[in-house]
């Protein structure tokens, strides 16, 4: 993850922390708005979301391969998808 997304994460943590003052929480909200409007943040987050989605999908397909309650047809499909993606 890039620096702006880490900063956003820190500000979100501050907003949800009951020990942080209302003034600091408002500052964090403004900082998040500013950081999220930067083009490099949007590009980084979009790429991260795409990668994360594929990782989750691959995990689901791998689980399908090991699940005894799944049909052989479904397992074959999962194996094909994983092979196409180079995940196995």
PDB file of N, CA and C in Angstrom:
ATOM      1  N   UNK A   1       0.844  -1.182   0.000  1.00  0.00           N
ATOM      2  CA  UNK A   1       0.000   0.000   0.000  1.00  0.00           C
ATOM      3  C   UNK A   1       0.887   1.242   0.000  1.00  0.00           C
ATOM      4  N   UNK A   2       0.380   2.279  -0.579  1.00  0.00           N
ATOM      5  CA  UNK A   2       1.152   3.510  -0.680  1.00  0.00           C
ATOM      6  C   UNK A   2       0.951   4.377   0.553  1.00  0.00           C
ATOM      7  N   UNK A   3       1.756   5.392   0.651  1.00  0.00           N
ATOM      8  CA  UNK A   3       1.702   6.312   1.784  1.00  0.00           C
ATOM      9  C   UNK A   3       0.326   6.954   1.966  1.00  0.00           C
ATOM     10  N   UNK A   4      -0.309   7.495   0.902  1.00  0.00           N
ATOM     11  CA  UNK A   4      -1.622   8.117   1.127  1.00  0.00           C
ATOM     12  C   UNK A   4      -2.658   7.150   1.704  1.00  0.00           C
ATOM     13  N   UNK A   5      -2.661   5.904   1.266  1.00  0.00           N
ATOM     14  CA  UNK A   5      -3.656   4.971   1.799  1.00  0.00           C
ATOM     15  C   UNK A   5      -3.341   4.607   3.242  1.00  0.00           C
ATOM     16  N   UNK A   6      -2.080   4.595   3.604  1.00  0.00           N
ATOM     17  CA  UNK A   6      -1.722   4.354   5.009  1.00  0.00           C
ATOM     18  C   UNK A   6      -2.151   5.552   5.872  1.00  0.00           C
ATOM     19  N   UNK A   7      -1.981   6.741   5.324  1.00  0.00           N
ATOM     20  CA  UNK A   7      -2.405   7.938   6.059  1.00  0.00           C
ATOM     21  C   UNK A   7      -3.917   7.925   6.266  1.00  0.00           C
ATOM     22  N   UNK A   8      -4.640   7.550   5.229  1.00  0.00           N
ATOM     23  CA  UNK A   8      -6.102   7.473   5.339  1.00  0.00           C
ATOM     24  C   UNK A   8      -6.473   6.477   6.434  1.00  0.00           C
ATOM     25  N   UNK A   9      -5.800   5.342   6.462  1.00  0.00           N
ATOM     26  CA  UNK A   9      -6.068   4.343   7.494  1.00  0.00           C
ATOM     27  C   UNK A   9      -5.834   4.891   8.896  1.00  0.00           C
ATOM     28  N   UNK A  10      -4.778   5.667   9.063  1.00  0.00           N
ATOM     29  CA  UNK A  10      -4.492   6.273  10.364  1.00  0.00           C
ATOM     30  C   UNK A  10      -5.569   7.268  10.767  1.00  0.00           C
ATOM     31  N   UNK A  11      -6.029   8.052   9.809  1.00  0.00           N
ATOM     32  CA  UNK A  11      -7.088   9.016  10.112  1.00  0.00           C
ATOM     33  C   UNK A  11      -8.403   8.312  10.443  1.00  0.00           C
ATOM     34  N   UNK A  12      -8.698   7.224   9.736  1.00  0.00           N
ATOM     35  CA  UNK A  12      -9.921   6.477  10.037  1.00  0.00           C
ATOM     36  C   UNK A  12      -9.853   5.877  11.440  1.00  0.00           C
ATOM     37  N   UNK A  13      -8.671   5.424  11.829  1.00  0.00           N
ATOM     38  CA  UNK A  13      -8.495   4.891  13.176  1.00  0.00           C
ATOM     39  C   UNK A  13      -8.737   5.986  14.220  1.00  0.00           C
ATOM     40  N   UNK A  14      -8.243   7.183  13.941  1.00  0.00           N
ATOM     41  CA  UNK A  14      -8.432   8.301  14.868  1.00  0.00           C
ATOM     42  C   UNK A  14      -9.911   8.642  15.011  1.00  0.00           C
ATOM     43  N   UNK A  15     -10.641   8.630  13.904  1.00  0.00           N
ATOM     44  CA  UNK A  15     -12.072   8.950  13.940  1.00  0.00           C
ATOM     45  C   UNK A  15     -12.835   7.949  14.797  1.00  0.00           C
ATOM     46  N   UNK A  16     -12.425   6.699  14.777  1.00  0.00           N
ATOM     47  CA  UNK A  16     -13.133   5.655  15.522  1.00  0.00           C
ATOM     48  C   UNK A  16     -12.607   5.430  16.930  1.00  0.00           C
ATOM     49  N   UNK A  17     -11.607   6.212  17.321  1.00  0.00           N
ATOM     50  CA  UNK A  17     -11.020   6.070  18.650  1.00  0.00           C
ATOM     51  C   UNK A  17     -11.760   6.981  19.635  1.00  0.00           C
ATOM     52  N   UNK A  18     -12.394   6.410  20.661  1.00  0.00           N
ATOM     53  CA  UNK A  18     -13.147   7.235  21.612  1.00  0.00           C
ATOM     54  C   UNK A  18     -12.270   8.188  22.432  1.00  0.00           C
ATOM     55  N   UNK A  19     -10.969   7.961  22.457  1.00  0.00           N
ATOM     56  CA  UNK A  19     -10.071   8.824  23.234  1.00  0.00           C
ATOM     57  C   UNK A  19      -9.610  10.050  22.456  1.00  0.00           C
ATOM     58  N   UNK A  20      -9.965  10.123  21.172  1.00  0.00           N
ATOM     59  CA  UNK A  20      -9.548  11.255  20.327  1.00  0.00           C
ATOM     60  C   UNK A  20     -10.607  12.348  20.419  1.00  0.00           C
ATOM     61  N   UNK A  21     -10.154  13.594  20.538  1.00  0.00           N
ATOM     62  CA  UNK A  21     -11.070  14.725  20.678  1.00  0.00           C
ATOM     63  C   UNK A  21     -11.895  14.934  19.418  1.00  0.00           C
ATOM     64  N   UNK A  22     -13.035  15.594  19.569  1.00  0.00           N
ATOM     65  CA  UNK A  22     -13.885  15.913  18.419  1.00  0.00           C
ATOM     66  C   UNK A  22     -13.145  16.792  17.417  1.00  0.00           C
ATOM     67  N   UNK A  23     -12.327  17.691  17.920  1.00  0.00           N
ATOM     68  CA  UNK A  23     -11.552  18.571  17.042  1.00  0.00           C
ATOM     69  C   UNK A  23     -10.575  17.752  16.187  1.00  0.00           C
ATOM     70  N   UNK A  24      -9.901  16.786  16.791  1.00  0.00           N
ATOM     71  CA  UNK A  24      -8.959  15.948  16.054  1.00  0.00           C
ATOM     72  C   UNK A  24      -9.694  15.056  15.051  1.00  0.00           C
ATOM     73  N   UNK A  25     -10.872  14.589  15.434  1.00  0.00           N
ATOM     74  CA  UNK A  25     -11.666  13.767  14.523  1.00  0.00           C
ATOM     75  C   UNK A  25     -12.088  14.573  13.299  1.00  0.00           C
ATOM     76  N   UNK A  26     -12.461  15.813  13.506  1.00  0.00           N
ATOM     77  CA  UNK A  26     -12.846  16.676  12.378  1.00  0.00           C
ATOM     78  C   UNK A  26     -11.640  16.917  11.467  1.00  0.00           C
ATOM     79  N   UNK A  27     -10.482  17.135  12.072  1.00  0.00           N
ATOM     80  CA  UNK A  27      -9.260  17.305  11.283  1.00  0.00           C
ATOM     81  C   UNK A  27      -9.006  16.057  10.430  1.00  0.00           C
ATOM     82  N   UNK A  28      -9.190  14.877  11.017  1.00  0.00           N
ATOM     83  CA  UNK A  28      -8.977  13.626  10.291  1.00  0.00           C
ATOM     84  C   UNK A  28      -9.976  13.473   9.147  1.00  0.00           C
ATOM     85  N   UNK A  29     -11.222  13.871   9.361  1.00  0.00           N
ATOM     86  CA  UNK A  29     -12.225  13.804   8.286  1.00  0.00           C
ATOM     87  C   UNK A  29     -11.807  14.680   7.099  1.00  0.00           C
ATOM     88  N   UNK A  30     -11.332  15.879   7.407  1.00  0.00           N
ATOM     89  CA  UNK A  30     -10.888  16.792   6.357  1.00  0.00           C
ATOM     90  C   UNK A  30      -9.657  16.234   5.631  1.00  0.00           C
ATOM     91  N   UNK A  31      -8.750  15.651   6.400  1.00  0.00           N
ATOM     92  CA  UNK A  31      -7.543  15.078   5.795  1.00  0.00           C
ATOM     93  C   UNK A  31      -7.902  13.910   4.880  1.00  0.00           C
ATOM     94  N   UNK A  32      -8.848  13.083   5.291  1.00  0.00           N
ATOM     95  CA  UNK A  32      -9.284  11.964   4.456  1.00  0.00           C
ATOM     96  C   UNK A  32      -9.874  12.481   3.150  1.00  0.00           C
ATOM     97  N   UNK A  33     -10.737  13.475   3.241  1.00  0.00           N
ATOM     98  CA  UNK A  33     -11.335  14.053   2.025  1.00  0.00           C
ATOM     99  C   UNK A  33     -10.255  14.553   1.072  1.00  0.00           C
ATOM    100  N   UNK A  34      -9.266  15.222   1.634  1.00  0.00           N
ATOM    101  CA  UNK A  34      -8.181  15.776   0.822  1.00  0.00           C
ATOM    102  C   UNK A  34      -7.335  14.664   0.199  1.00  0.00           C
ATOM    103  N   UNK A  35      -6.990  13.662   0.998  1.00  0.00           N
ATOM    104  CA  UNK A  35      -6.168  12.562   0.492  1.00  0.00           C
ATOM    105  C   UNK A  35      -6.911  11.741  -0.564  1.00  0.00           C
ATOM    106  N   UNK A  36      -8.195  11.508  -0.344  1.00  0.00           N
ATOM    107  CA  UNK A  36      -8.960  10.694  -1.293  1.00  0.00           C
ATOM    108  C   UNK A  36      -9.183  11.402  -2.622  1.00  0.00           C
ATOM    109  N   UNK A  37      -9.071  12.711  -2.642  1.00  0.00           N
ATOM    110  CA  UNK A  37      -9.262  13.450  -3.888  1.00  0.00           C
ATOM    111  C   UNK A  37      -8.007  13.463  -4.759  1.00  0.00           C
ATOM    112  N   UNK A  38      -6.882  13.026  -4.208  1.00  0.00           N
ATOM    113  CA  UNK A  38      -5.632  13.014  -4.974  1.00  0.00           C
ATOM    114  C   UNK A  38      -5.656  11.859  -5.971  1.00  0.00           C
ATOM    115  N   UNK A  39      -5.279  12.113  -7.217  1.00  0.00           N
ATOM    116  CA  UNK A  39      -5.315  11.070  -8.257  1.00  0.00           C
ATOM    117  C   UNK A  39      -4.484   9.836  -7.913  1.00  0.00           C
ATOM    118  N   UNK A  40      -3.309  10.024  -7.323  1.00  0.00           N
ATOM    119  CA  UNK A  40      -2.462   8.868  -7.016  1.00  0.00           C
ATOM    120  C   UNK A  40      -3.097   7.957  -5.968  1.00  0.00           C
ATOM    121  N   UNK A  41      -3.881   8.531  -5.067  1.00  0.00           N
ATOM    122  CA  UNK A  41      -4.578   7.719  -4.071  1.00  0.00           C
ATOM    123  C   UNK A  41      -5.654   6.888  -4.745  1.00  0.00           C
ATOM    124  N   UNK A  42      -6.391   7.489  -5.651  1.00  0.00           N
ATOM    125  CA  UNK A  42      -7.461   6.770  -6.340  1.00  0.00           C
ATOM    126  C   UNK A  42      -6.896   5.628  -7.175  1.00  0.00           C
ATOM    127  N   UNK A  43      -5.784   5.850  -7.863  1.00  0.00           N
ATOM    128  CA  UNK A  43      -5.166   4.805  -8.674  1.00  0.00           C
ATOM    129  C   UNK A  43      -4.665   3.671  -7.798  1.00  0.00           C
ATOM    130  N   UNK A  44      -4.016   3.999  -6.697  1.00  0.00           N
ATOM    131  CA  UNK A  44      -3.474   2.987  -5.804  1.00  0.00           C
ATOM    132  C   UNK A  44      -4.593   2.147  -5.207  1.00  0.00           C
ATOM    133  N   UNK A  45      -5.655   2.799  -4.755  1.00  0.00           N
ATOM    134  CA  UNK A  45      -6.759   2.068  -4.136  1.00  0.00           C
ATOM    135  C   UNK A  45      -7.464   1.180  -5.152  1.00  0.00           C
ATOM    136  N   UNK A  46      -7.617   1.646  -6.375  1.00  0.00           N
ATOM    137  CA  UNK A  46      -8.276   0.837  -7.399  1.00  0.00           C
ATOM    138  C   UNK A  46      -7.446  -0.410  -7.684  1.00  0.00           C
ATOM    139  N   UNK A  47      -6.146  -0.255  -7.841  1.00  0.00           N
ATOM    140  CA  UNK A  47      -5.271  -1.402  -8.073  1.00  0.00           C
ATOM    141  C   UNK A  47      -5.275  -2.370  -6.915  1.00  0.00           C
ATOM    142  N   UNK A  48      -5.275  -1.845  -5.712  1.00  0.00           N
ATOM    143  CA  UNK A  48      -5.312  -2.684  -4.515  1.00  0.00           C
ATOM    144  C   UNK A  48      -6.611  -3.471  -4.446  1.00  0.00           C
ATOM    145  N   UNK A  49      -7.728  -2.807  -4.729  1.00  0.00           N
ATOM    146  CA  UNK A  49      -9.024  -3.491  -4.681  1.00  0.00           C
ATOM    147  C   UNK A  49      -9.087  -4.608  -5.712  1.00  0.00           C
ATOM    148  N   UNK A  50      -8.571  -4.357  -6.920  1.00  0.00           N
ATOM    149  CA  UNK A  50      -8.576  -5.396  -7.952  1.00  0.00           C
ATOM    150  C   UNK A  50      -7.742  -6.587  -7.515  1.00  0.00           C
ATOM    151  N   UNK A  51      -6.545  -6.346  -6.983  1.00  0.00           N
ATOM    152  CA  UNK A  51      -5.687  -7.429  -6.527  1.00  0.00           C
ATOM    153  C   UNK A  51      -6.337  -8.193  -5.390  1.00  0.00           C
ATOM    154  N   UNK A  52      -6.914  -7.457  -4.466  1.00  0.00           N
ATOM    155  CA  UNK A  52      -7.542  -8.080  -3.306  1.00  0.00           C
ATOM    156  C   UNK A  52      -8.708  -8.960  -3.741  1.00  0.00           C
ATOM    157  N   UNK A  53      -9.504  -8.496  -4.679  1.00  0.00           N
ATOM    158  CA  UNK A  53     -10.628  -9.281  -5.156  1.00  0.00           C
ATOM    159  C   UNK A  53     -10.165 -10.583  -5.786  1.00  0.00           C
ATOM    160  N   UNK A  54      -9.119 -10.528  -6.587  1.00  0.00           N
ATOM    161  CA  UNK A  54      -8.632 -11.748  -7.230  1.00  0.00           C
ATOM    162  C   UNK A  54      -8.058 -12.714  -6.202  1.00  0.00           C
ATOM    163  N   UNK A  55      -7.384 -12.197  -5.203  1.00  0.00           N
ATOM    164  CA  UNK A  55      -6.832 -13.051  -4.150  1.00  0.00           C
ATOM    165  C   UNK A  55      -7.969 -13.763  -3.419  1.00  0.00           C
ATOM    166  N   UNK A  56      -9.023 -13.044  -3.119  1.00  0.00           N
ATOM    167  CA  UNK A  56     -10.170 -13.658  -2.445  1.00  0.00           C
ATOM    168  C   UNK A  56     -10.848 -14.695  -3.328  1.00  0.00           C
ATOM    169  N   UNK A  57     -10.981 -14.373  -4.604  1.00  0.00           N
ATOM    170  CA  UNK A  57     -11.593 -15.329  -5.530  1.00  0.00           C
ATOM    171  C   UNK A  57     -10.747 -16.594  -5.617  1.00  0.00           C
ATOM    172  N   UNK A  58      -9.442 -16.419  -5.740  1.00  0.00           N
ATOM    173  CA  UNK A  58      -8.563 -17.582  -5.803  1.00  0.00           C
ATOM    174  C   UNK A  58      -8.679 -18.428  -4.547  1.00  0.00           C
ATOM    175  N   UNK A  59      -8.776 -17.794  -3.407  1.00  0.00           N
ATOM    176  CA  UNK A  59      -8.927 -18.538  -2.153  1.00  0.00           C
ATOM    177  C   UNK A  59     -10.217 -19.349  -2.168  1.00  0.00           C
ATOM    178  N   UNK A  60     -11.273 -18.770  -2.698  1.00  0.00           N
ATOM    179  CA  UNK A  60     -12.540 -19.485  -2.794  1.00  0.00           C
ATOM    180  C   UNK A  60     -12.446 -20.677  -3.728  1.00  0.00           C
ATOM    181  N   UNK A  61     -11.776 -20.498  -4.865  1.00  0.00           N
ATOM    182  CA  UNK A  61     -11.602 -21.614  -5.798  1.00  0.00           C
ATOM    183  C   UNK A  61     -10.743 -22.716  -5.177  1.00  0.00           C
ATOM    184  N   UNK A  62      -9.711 -22.328  -4.442  1.00  0.00           N
ATOM    185  CA  UNK A  62      -8.865 -23.331  -3.785  1.00  0.00           C
ATOM    186  C   UNK A  62      -9.647 -24.091  -2.718  1.00  0.00           C
ATOM    187  N   UNK A  63     -10.519 -23.392  -2.013  1.00  0.00           N
ATOM    188  CA  UNK A  63     -11.362 -24.057  -1.026  1.00  0.00           C
ATOM    189  C   UNK A  63     -12.311 -25.037  -1.709  1.00  0.00           C
ATOM    190  N   UNK A  64     -12.797 -24.664  -2.877  1.00  0.00           N
ATOM    191  CA  UNK A  64     -13.678 -25.544  -3.648  1.00  0.00           C
ATOM    192  C   UNK A  64     -12.982 -26.861  -3.967  1.00  0.00           C
ATOM    193  N   UNK A  65     -11.712 -26.780  -4.308  1.00  0.00           N
ATOM    194  CA  UNK A  65     -10.963 -27.990  -4.653  1.00  0.00           C
ATOM    195  C   UNK A  65     -10.872 -28.967  -3.486  1.00  0.00           C
ATOM    196  N   UNK A  66     -10.873 -28.458  -2.268  1.00  0.00           N
ATOM    197  CA  UNK A  66     -10.690 -29.304  -1.081  1.00  0.00           C
ATOM    198  C   UNK A  66     -11.996 -29.690  -0.392  1.00  0.00           C
ATOM    199  N   UNK A  67     -13.098 -29.125  -0.842  1.00  0.00           N
ATOM    200  CA  UNK A  67     -14.381 -29.355  -0.180  1.00  0.00           C
ATOM    201  C   UNK A  67     -14.995 -30.660  -0.674  1.00  0.00           C
ATOM    202  N   UNK A  68     -15.206 -31.632   0.229  1.00  0.00           N
ATOM    203  CA  UNK A  68     -15.768 -32.915  -0.197  1.00  0.00           C
ATOM    204  C   UNK A  68     -17.238 -32.819  -0.613  1.00  0.00           C
ATOM    205  N   UNK A  69     -17.903 -31.735  -0.300  1.00  0.00           N
ATOM    206  CA  UNK A  69     -19.322 -31.564  -0.636  1.00  0.00           C
ATOM    207  C   UNK A  69     -19.548 -30.891  -1.985  1.00  0.00           C
ATOM    208  N   UNK A  70     -18.479 -30.639  -2.721  1.00  0.00           N
ATOM    209  CA  UNK A  70     -18.567 -29.952  -4.011  1.00  0.00           C
ATOM    210  C   UNK A  70     -18.463 -30.990  -5.122  1.00  0.00           C
ATOM    211  N   UNK A  71     -19.234 -30.795  -6.178  1.00  0.00           N
ATOM    212  CA  UNK A  71     -19.229 -31.739  -7.303  1.00  0.00           C
ATOM    213  C   UNK A  71     -17.890 -31.727  -8.033  1.00  0.00           C
ATOM    214  N   UNK A  72     -17.617 -32.823  -8.717  1.00  0.00           N
ATOM    215  CA  UNK A  72     -16.390 -32.912  -9.506  1.00  0.00           C
ATOM    216  C   UNK A  72     -16.387 -31.870 -10.624  1.00  0.00           C
ATOM    217  N   UNK A  73     -17.556 -31.580 -11.155  1.00  0.00           N
ATOM    218  CA  UNK A  73     -17.666 -30.568 -12.208  1.00  0.00           C
ATOM    219  C   UNK A  73     -17.242 -29.197 -11.688  1.00  0.00           C
ATOM    220  N   UNK A  74     -17.696 -28.847 -10.503  1.00  0.00           N
ATOM    221  CA  UNK A  74     -17.335 -27.559  -9.902  1.00  0.00           C
ATOM    222  C   UNK A  74     -15.844 -27.514  -9.571  1.00  0.00           C
ATOM    223  N   UNK A  75     -15.316 -28.636  -9.104  1.00  0.00           N
ATOM    224  CA  UNK A  75     -13.883 -28.690  -8.803  1.00  0.00           C
ATOM    225  C   UNK A  75     -13.056 -28.520 -10.075  1.00  0.00           C
ATOM    226  N   UNK A  76     -13.496 -29.130 -11.163  1.00  0.00           N
ATOM    227  CA  UNK A  76     -12.785 -29.012 -12.431  1.00  0.00           C
ATOM    228  C   UNK A  76     -12.796 -27.560 -12.913  1.00  0.00           C
ATOM    229  N   UNK A  77     -13.941 -26.907 -12.774  1.00  0.00           N
ATOM    230  CA  UNK A  77     -14.037 -25.499 -13.170  1.00  0.00           C
ATOM    231  C   UNK A  77     -13.087 -24.644 -12.332  1.00  0.00           C
ATOM    232  N   UNK A  78     -13.076 -24.870 -11.021  1.00  0.00           N
ATOM    233  CA  UNK A  78     -12.199 -24.106 -10.130  1.00  0.00           C
ATOM    234  C   UNK A  78     -10.739 -24.321 -10.516  1.00  0.00           C
ATOM    235  N   UNK A  79     -10.382 -25.560 -10.821  1.00  0.00           N
ATOM    236  CA  UNK A  79      -9.002 -25.873 -11.208  1.00  0.00           C
ATOM    237  C   UNK A  79      -8.637 -25.150 -12.501  1.00  0.00           C
ATOM    238  N   UNK A  80      -9.540 -25.124 -13.462  1.00  0.00           N
ATOM    239  CA  UNK A  80      -9.275 -24.446 -14.729  1.00  0.00           C
ATOM    240  C   UNK A  80      -9.044 -22.949 -14.523  1.00  0.00           C
ATOM    241  N   UNK A  81      -9.888 -22.340 -13.705  1.00  0.00           N
ATOM    242  CA  UNK A  81      -9.751 -20.902 -13.443  1.00  0.00           C
ATOM    243  C   UNK A  81      -8.410 -20.618 -12.771  1.00  0.00           C
ATOM    244  N   UNK A  82      -8.056 -21.414 -11.780  1.00  0.00           N
ATOM    245  CA  UNK A  82      -6.796 -21.207 -11.064  1.00  0.00           C
ATOM    246  C   UNK A  82      -5.594 -21.406 -11.993  1.00  0.00           C
ATOM    247  N   UNK A  83      -5.679 -22.387 -12.876  1.00  0.00           N
ATOM    248  CA  UNK A  83      -4.582 -22.608 -13.821  1.00  0.00           C
ATOM    249  C   UNK A  83      -4.452 -21.430 -14.794  1.00  0.00           C
ATOM    250  N   UNK A  84      -5.581 -20.897 -15.269  1.00  0.00           N
ATOM    251  CA  UNK A  84      -5.553 -19.751 -16.171  1.00  0.00           C
ATOM    252  C   UNK A  84      -4.912 -18.537 -15.511  1.00  0.00           C
ATOM    253  N   UNK A  85      -5.152 -18.391 -14.228  1.00  0.00           N
ATOM    254  CA  UNK A  85      -4.606 -17.250 -13.479  1.00  0.00           C
ATOM    255  C   UNK A  85      -3.193 -17.488 -12.989  1.00  0.00           C
ATOM    256  N   UNK A  86      -2.704 -18.703 -13.145  1.00  0.00           N
ATOM    257  CA  UNK A  86      -1.365 -19.021 -12.660  1.00  0.00           C
ATOM    258  C   UNK A  86      -1.317 -19.116 -11.154  1.00  0.00           C
ATOM    259  N   UNK A  87      -2.446 -19.444 -10.545  1.00  0.00           N
ATOM    260  CA  UNK A  87      -2.524 -19.481  -9.087  1.00  0.00           C
ATOM    261  C   UNK A  87      -2.229 -20.866  -8.526  1.00  0.00           C
ATOM    262  N   UNK A  88      -2.114 -21.863  -9.411  1.00  0.00           N
ATOM    263  CA  UNK A  88      -1.697 -23.205  -8.937  1.00  0.00           C
ATOM    264  C   UNK A  88      -0.696 -23.774  -9.914  1.00  0.00           C
TER     265      UNK A  88
END
